[in-house]
PDB file of N, CA and C in Angstrom:
ATOM      1  N   UNK A   1     -18.696 -20.650 -11.353  1.00  0.00           N
ATOM      2  CA  UNK A   1     -17.901 -19.628 -10.697  1.00  0.00           C
ATOM      3  C   UNK A   1     -16.456 -20.112 -10.596  1.00  0.00           C
ATOM      4  N   UNK A   2     -15.557 -19.255 -10.970  1.00  0.00           N
ATOM      5  CA  UNK A   2     -14.137 -19.564 -10.925  1.00  0.00           C
ATOM      6  C   UNK A   2     -13.596 -19.184  -9.536  1.00  0.00           C
ATOM      7  N   UNK A   3     -13.293 -20.177  -8.717  1.00  0.00           N
ATOM      8  CA  UNK A   3     -12.861 -19.925  -7.342  1.00  0.00           C
ATOM      9  C   UNK A   3     -11.475 -19.308  -7.275  1.00  0.00           C
ATOM     10  N   UNK A   4     -10.639 -19.612  -8.229  1.00  0.00           N
ATOM     11  CA  UNK A   4      -9.305 -19.016  -8.243  1.00  0.00           C
ATOM     12  C   UNK A   4      -9.398 -17.507  -8.467  1.00  0.00           C
ATOM     13  N   UNK A   5     -10.236 -17.104  -9.402  1.00  0.00           N
ATOM     14  CA  UNK A   5     -10.435 -15.680  -9.657  1.00  0.00           C
ATOM     15  C   UNK A   5     -11.076 -15.001  -8.449  1.00  0.00           C
ATOM     16  N   UNK A   6     -12.037 -15.661  -7.835  1.00  0.00           N
ATOM     17  CA  UNK A   6     -12.688 -15.113  -6.647  1.00  0.00           C
ATOM     18  C   UNK A   6     -11.684 -14.893  -5.526  1.00  0.00           C
ATOM     19  N   UNK A   7     -10.815 -15.870  -5.297  1.00  0.00           N
ATOM     20  CA  UNK A   7      -9.803 -15.745  -4.247  1.00  0.00           C
ATOM     21  C   UNK A   7      -8.822 -14.616  -4.566  1.00  0.00           C
ATOM     22  N   UNK A   8      -8.374 -14.530  -5.812  1.00  0.00           N
ATOM     23  CA  UNK A   8      -7.442 -13.471  -6.205  1.00  0.00           C
ATOM     24  C   UNK A   8      -8.061 -12.086  -6.027  1.00  0.00           C
ATOM     25  N   UNK A   9      -9.312 -11.941  -6.442  1.00  0.00           N
ATOM     26  CA  UNK A   9      -9.972 -10.645  -6.299  1.00  0.00           C
ATOM     27  C   UNK A   9     -10.234 -10.300  -4.840  1.00  0.00           C
ATOM     28  N   UNK A  10     -10.523 -11.298  -4.021  1.00  0.00           N
ATOM     29  CA  UNK A  10     -10.729 -11.055  -2.595  1.00  0.00           C
ATOM     30  C   UNK A  10      -9.444 -10.585  -1.929  1.00  0.00           C
ATOM     31  N   UNK A  11      -8.346 -11.239  -2.231  1.00  0.00           N
ATOM     32  CA  UNK A  11      -7.055 -10.839  -1.660  1.00  0.00           C
ATOM     33  C   UNK A  11      -6.663  -9.450  -2.146  1.00  0.00           C
ATOM     34  N   UNK A  12      -6.868  -9.166  -3.420  1.00  0.00           N
ATOM     35  CA  UNK A  12      -6.550  -7.838  -3.948  1.00  0.00           C
ATOM     36  C   UNK A  12      -7.413  -6.763  -3.295  1.00  0.00           C
ATOM     37  N   UNK A  13      -8.686  -7.046  -3.115  1.00  0.00           N
ATOM     38  CA  UNK A  13      -9.570  -6.078  -2.476  1.00  0.00           C
ATOM     39  C   UNK A  13      -9.209  -5.821  -1.027  1.00  0.00           C
ATOM     40  N   UNK A  14      -8.871  -6.870  -0.296  1.00  0.00           N
ATOM     41  CA  UNK A  14      -8.458  -6.692   1.099  1.00  0.00           C
ATOM     42  C   UNK A  14      -7.141  -5.928   1.201  1.00  0.00           C
ATOM     43  N   UNK A  15      -6.227  -6.195   0.286  1.00  0.00           N
ATOM     44  CA  UNK A  15      -4.947  -5.490   0.288  1.00  0.00           C
ATOM     45  C   UNK A  15      -5.135  -4.008  -0.002  1.00  0.00           C
ATOM     46  N   UNK A  16      -5.912  -3.699  -1.027  1.00  0.00           N
ATOM     47  CA  UNK A  16      -6.143  -2.300  -1.374  1.00  0.00           C
ATOM     48  C   UNK A  16      -6.936  -1.587  -0.280  1.00  0.00           C
ATOM     49  N   UNK A  17      -7.909  -2.261   0.301  1.00  0.00           N
ATOM     50  CA  UNK A  17      -8.669  -1.675   1.401  1.00  0.00           C
ATOM     51  C   UNK A  17      -7.804  -1.401   2.618  1.00  0.00           C
ATOM     52  N   UNK A  18      -6.867  -2.299   2.905  1.00  0.00           N
ATOM     53  CA  UNK A  18      -5.943  -2.085   4.023  1.00  0.00           C
ATOM     54  C   UNK A  18      -5.033  -0.896   3.767  1.00  0.00           C
ATOM     55  N   UNK A  19      -4.587  -0.748   2.534  1.00  0.00           N
ATOM     56  CA  UNK A  19      -3.743   0.395   2.186  1.00  0.00           C
ATOM     57  C   UNK A  19      -4.513   1.700   2.339  1.00  0.00           C
ATOM     58  N   UNK A  20      -5.752   1.727   1.860  1.00  0.00           N
ATOM     59  CA  UNK A  20      -6.581   2.924   2.026  1.00  0.00           C
ATOM     60  C   UNK A  20      -6.822   3.219   3.505  1.00  0.00           C
ATOM     61  N   UNK A  21      -7.025   2.195   4.309  1.00  0.00           N
ATOM     62  CA  UNK A  21      -7.251   2.399   5.739  1.00  0.00           C
ATOM     63  C   UNK A  21      -6.012   2.970   6.420  1.00  0.00           C
ATOM     64  N   UNK A  22      -4.826   2.495   6.035  1.00  0.00           N
ATOM     65  CA  UNK A  22      -3.596   3.035   6.624  1.00  0.00           C
ATOM     66  C   UNK A  22      -3.387   4.499   6.247  1.00  0.00           C
ATOM     67  N   UNK A  23      -3.678   4.837   5.006  1.00  0.00           N
ATOM     68  CA  UNK A  23      -3.540   6.231   4.580  1.00  0.00           C
ATOM     69  C   UNK A  23      -4.519   7.113   5.350  1.00  0.00           C
ATOM     70  N   UNK A  24      -5.771   6.668   5.465  1.00  0.00           N
ATOM     71  CA  UNK A  24      -6.774   7.444   6.192  1.00  0.00           C
ATOM     72  C   UNK A  24      -6.416   7.565   7.669  1.00  0.00           C
ATOM     73  N   UNK A  25      -5.871   6.502   8.249  1.00  0.00           N
ATOM     74  CA  UNK A  25      -5.471   6.547   9.651  1.00  0.00           C
ATOM     75  C   UNK A  25      -4.343   7.554   9.866  1.00  0.00           C
ATOM     76  N   UNK A  26      -3.386   7.588   8.951  1.00  0.00           N
ATOM     77  CA  UNK A  26      -2.300   8.559   9.061  1.00  0.00           C
ATOM     78  C   UNK A  26      -2.797   9.989   8.989  1.00  0.00           C
ATOM     79  N   UNK A  27      -3.687  10.256   8.036  1.00  0.00           N
ATOM     80  CA  UNK A  27      -4.244  11.606   7.924  1.00  0.00           C
ATOM     81  C   UNK A  27      -5.062  11.979   9.155  1.00  0.00           C
ATOM     82  N   UNK A  28      -5.883  11.056   9.641  1.00  0.00           N
ATOM     83  CA  UNK A  28      -6.737  11.388  10.784  1.00  0.00           C
ATOM     84  C   UNK A  28      -5.924  11.572  12.060  1.00  0.00           C
ATOM     85  N   UNK A  29      -4.842  10.817  12.228  1.00  0.00           N
ATOM     86  CA  UNK A  29      -4.012  10.995  13.422  1.00  0.00           C
ATOM     87  C   UNK A  29      -3.312  12.349  13.401  1.00  0.00           C
ATOM     88  N   UNK A  30      -2.748  12.716  12.256  1.00  0.00           N
ATOM     89  CA  UNK A  30      -2.056  14.004  12.175  1.00  0.00           C
ATOM     90  C   UNK A  30      -3.046  15.147  12.349  1.00  0.00           C
ATOM     91  N   UNK A  31      -4.202  15.047  11.689  1.00  0.00           N
ATOM     92  CA  UNK A  31      -5.190  16.117  11.821  1.00  0.00           C
ATOM     93  C   UNK A  31      -5.766  16.174  13.231  1.00  0.00           C
ATOM     94  N   UNK A  32      -5.956  15.028  13.864  1.00  0.00           N
ATOM     95  CA  UNK A  32      -6.506  15.010  15.215  1.00  0.00           C
ATOM     96  C   UNK A  32      -5.570  15.619  16.238  1.00  0.00           C
ATOM     97  N   UNK A  33      -4.275  15.462  16.037  1.00  0.00           N
ATOM     98  CA  UNK A  33      -3.308  15.982  17.007  1.00  0.00           C
ATOM     99  C   UNK A  33      -2.934  17.428  16.705  1.00  0.00           C
ATOM    100  N   UNK A  34      -2.617  17.724  15.443  1.00  0.00           N
ATOM    101  CA  UNK A  34      -2.122  19.048  15.080  1.00  0.00           C
ATOM    102  C   UNK A  34      -3.195  20.012  14.599  1.00  0.00           C
ATOM    103  N   UNK A  35      -4.376  19.475  14.242  1.00  0.00           N
ATOM    104  CA  UNK A  35      -5.426  20.276  13.605  1.00  0.00           C
ATOM    105  C   UNK A  35      -4.902  20.941  12.331  1.00  0.00           C
ATOM    106  N   UNK A  36      -4.055  20.213  11.610  1.00  0.00           N
ATOM    107  CA  UNK A  36      -3.451  20.701  10.378  1.00  0.00           C
ATOM    108  C   UNK A  36      -3.275  19.516   9.441  1.00  0.00           C
ATOM    109  N   UNK A  37      -3.658  19.693   8.183  1.00  0.00           N
ATOM    110  CA  UNK A  37      -3.460  18.619   7.217  1.00  0.00           C
ATOM    111  C   UNK A  37      -2.013  18.611   6.749  1.00  0.00           C
ATOM    112  N   UNK A  38      -1.411  17.460   6.759  1.00  0.00           N
ATOM    113  CA  UNK A  38      -0.033  17.307   6.321  1.00  0.00           C
ATOM    114  C   UNK A  38      -0.041  16.558   4.995  1.00  0.00           C
ATOM    115  N   UNK A  39       0.324  17.237   3.931  1.00  0.00           N
ATOM    116  CA  UNK A  39       0.282  16.628   2.610  1.00  0.00           C
ATOM    117  C   UNK A  39       1.559  15.868   2.274  1.00  0.00           C
ATOM    118  N   UNK A  40       2.471  15.715   3.211  1.00  0.00           N
ATOM    119  CA  UNK A  40       3.697  14.958   2.969  1.00  0.00           C
ATOM    120  C   UNK A  40       3.457  13.457   3.005  1.00  0.00           C
ATOM    121  N   UNK A  41       2.290  13.015   3.461  1.00  0.00           N
ATOM    122  CA  UNK A  41       1.993  11.585   3.461  1.00  0.00           C
ATOM    123  C   UNK A  41       2.059  11.019   2.046  1.00  0.00           C
ATOM    124  N   UNK A  42       1.594  11.765   1.084  1.00  0.00           N
ATOM    125  CA  UNK A  42       1.617  11.299  -0.303  1.00  0.00           C
ATOM    126  C   UNK A  42       3.026  11.039  -0.795  1.00  0.00           C
ATOM    127  N   UNK A  43       3.968  11.863  -0.372  1.00  0.00           N
ATOM    128  CA  UNK A  43       5.366  11.654  -0.764  1.00  0.00           C
ATOM    129  C   UNK A  43       5.909  10.348  -0.208  1.00  0.00           C
ATOM    130  N   UNK A  44       5.583  10.057   1.025  1.00  0.00           N
ATOM    131  CA  UNK A  44       6.069   8.823   1.651  1.00  0.00           C
ATOM    132  C   UNK A  44       5.500   7.601   0.942  1.00  0.00           C
ATOM    133  N   UNK A  45       4.209   7.631   0.616  1.00  0.00           N
ATOM    134  CA  UNK A  45       3.593   6.497  -0.077  1.00  0.00           C
ATOM    135  C   UNK A  45       4.138   6.360  -1.495  1.00  0.00           C
ATOM    136  N   UNK A  46       4.428   7.484  -2.148  1.00  0.00           N
ATOM    137  CA  UNK A  46       4.972   7.438  -3.495  1.00  0.00           C
ATOM    138  C   UNK A  46       6.385   6.849  -3.480  1.00  0.00           C
ATOM    139  N   UNK A  47       7.200   7.224  -2.521  1.00  0.00           N
ATOM    140  CA  UNK A  47       8.547   6.668  -2.417  1.00  0.00           C
ATOM    141  C   UNK A  47       8.483   5.173  -2.132  1.00  0.00           C
ATOM    142  N   UNK A  48       7.572   4.756  -1.272  1.00  0.00           N
ATOM    143  CA  UNK A  48       7.397   3.328  -1.005  1.00  0.00           C
ATOM    144  C   UNK A  48       6.973   2.560  -2.241  1.00  0.00           C
ATOM    145  N   UNK A  49       6.092   3.155  -3.046  1.00  0.00           N
ATOM    146  CA  UNK A  49       5.654   2.493  -4.278  1.00  0.00           C
ATOM    147  C   UNK A  49       6.804   2.375  -5.270  1.00  0.00           C
ATOM    148  N   UNK A  50       7.601   3.416  -5.408  1.00  0.00           N
ATOM    149  CA  UNK A  50       8.743   3.353  -6.323  1.00  0.00           C
ATOM    150  C   UNK A  50       9.793   2.352  -5.851  1.00  0.00           C
ATOM    151  N   UNK A  51      10.032   2.288  -4.552  1.00  0.00           N
ATOM    152  CA  UNK A  51      10.992   1.310  -4.042  1.00  0.00           C
ATOM    153  C   UNK A  51      10.499  -0.113  -4.249  1.00  0.00           C
ATOM    154  N   UNK A  52       9.210  -0.332  -4.062  1.00  0.00           N
ATOM    155  CA  UNK A  52       8.647  -1.654  -4.327  1.00  0.00           C
ATOM    156  C   UNK A  52       8.738  -2.030  -5.789  1.00  0.00           C
ATOM    157  N   UNK A  53       8.447  -1.076  -6.666  1.00  0.00           N
ATOM    158  CA  UNK A  53       8.542  -1.325  -8.106  1.00  0.00           C
ATOM    159  C   UNK A  53       9.987  -1.629  -8.500  1.00  0.00           C
ATOM    160  N   UNK A  54      10.928  -0.855  -7.951  1.00  0.00           N
ATOM    161  CA  UNK A  54      12.337  -1.072  -8.266  1.00  0.00           C
ATOM    162  C   UNK A  54      12.796  -2.442  -7.780  1.00  0.00           C
ATOM    163  N   UNK A  55      12.410  -2.799  -6.569  1.00  0.00           N
ATOM    164  CA  UNK A  55      12.812  -4.104  -6.033  1.00  0.00           C
ATOM    165  C   UNK A  55      12.220  -5.236  -6.854  1.00  0.00           C
ATOM    166  N   UNK A  56      11.014  -5.057  -7.331  1.00  0.00           N
ATOM    167  CA  UNK A  56      10.365  -6.096  -8.123  1.00  0.00           C
ATOM    168  C   UNK A  56      11.044  -6.280  -9.471  1.00  0.00           C
ATOM    169  N   UNK A  57      11.380  -5.181 -10.136  1.00  0.00           N
ATOM    170  CA  UNK A  57      11.929  -5.274 -11.485  1.00  0.00           C
ATOM    171  C   UNK A  57      13.453  -5.411 -11.523  1.00  0.00           C
ATOM    172  N   UNK A  58      14.153  -4.708 -10.685  1.00  0.00           N
ATOM    173  CA  UNK A  58      15.614  -4.732 -10.749  1.00  0.00           C
ATOM    174  C   UNK A  58      16.198  -5.989 -10.116  1.00  0.00           C
ATOM    175  N   UNK A  59      15.630  -6.419  -9.025  1.00  0.00           N
ATOM    176  CA  UNK A  59      16.172  -7.587  -8.347  1.00  0.00           C
ATOM    177  C   UNK A  59      15.622  -8.888  -8.905  1.00  0.00           C
ATOM    178  N   UNK A  60      14.502  -8.812  -9.606  1.00  0.00           N
ATOM    179  CA  UNK A  60      13.949  -9.992 -10.258  1.00  0.00           C
ATOM    180  C   UNK A  60      13.399 -11.027  -9.307  1.00  0.00           C
ATOM    181  N   UNK A  61      13.004 -10.608  -8.135  1.00  0.00           N
ATOM    182  CA  UNK A  61      12.483 -11.556  -7.162  1.00  0.00           C
ATOM    183  C   UNK A  61      11.013 -11.854  -7.394  1.00  0.00           C
ATOM    184  N   UNK A  62      10.482 -12.803  -6.643  1.00  0.00           N
ATOM    185  CA  UNK A  62       9.052 -13.100  -6.750  1.00  0.00           C
ATOM    186  C   UNK A  62       8.212 -11.952  -6.184  1.00  0.00           C
ATOM    187  N   UNK A  63       6.956 -11.903  -6.571  1.00  0.00           N
ATOM    188  CA  UNK A  63       6.110 -10.762  -6.239  1.00  0.00           C
ATOM    189  C   UNK A  63       5.775 -10.698  -4.753  1.00  0.00           C
ATOM    190  N   UNK A  64       5.359 -11.786  -4.137  1.00  0.00           N
ATOM    191  CA  UNK A  64       4.870 -11.736  -2.756  1.00  0.00           C
ATOM    192  C   UNK A  64       5.927 -11.285  -1.746  1.00  0.00           C
ATOM    193  N   UNK A  65       7.142 -11.853  -1.720  1.00  0.00           N
ATOM    194  CA  UNK A  65       8.139 -11.346  -0.761  1.00  0.00           C
ATOM    195  C   UNK A  65       8.583  -9.919  -1.064  1.00  0.00           C
ATOM    196  N   UNK A  66       8.581  -9.550  -2.334  1.00  0.00           N
ATOM    197  CA  UNK A  66       8.974  -8.192  -2.688  1.00  0.00           C
ATOM    198  C   UNK A  66       7.966  -7.188  -2.152  1.00  0.00           C
ATOM    199  N   UNK A  67       6.686  -7.469  -2.303  1.00  0.00           N
ATOM    200  CA  UNK A  67       5.663  -6.562  -1.798  1.00  0.00           C
ATOM    201  C   UNK A  67       5.646  -6.528  -0.279  1.00  0.00           C
ATOM    202  N   UNK A  68       5.931  -7.641   0.354  1.00  0.00           N
ATOM    203  CA  UNK A  68       5.985  -7.672   1.809  1.00  0.00           C
ATOM    204  C   UNK A  68       7.163  -6.840   2.315  1.00  0.00           C
ATOM    205  N   UNK A  69       8.294  -6.913   1.645  1.00  0.00           N
ATOM    206  CA  UNK A  69       9.466  -6.146   2.047  1.00  0.00           C
ATOM    207  C   UNK A  69       9.317  -4.660   1.801  1.00  0.00           C
ATOM    208  N   UNK A  70       8.552  -4.296   0.806  1.00  0.00           N
ATOM    209  CA  UNK A  70       8.379  -2.876   0.497  1.00  0.00           C
ATOM    210  C   UNK A  70       7.458  -2.242   1.513  1.00  0.00           C
TER     211      UNK A  70
END
């Protein structure tokens, strides 16, 4: 068993799971309070993804601080 690969996949899975949990929490909070689905959450996440991608490629910084800042 390759422990480096196991660690990388574990960190990636926890990161993606945390992102999914934040998205679900945002939807459930808005729906719980307003009783209305707000589809603007997708726009906010898309803008954050584009800003992270831009910071990673245009500024040429390392991946971990760039993702943390985004």
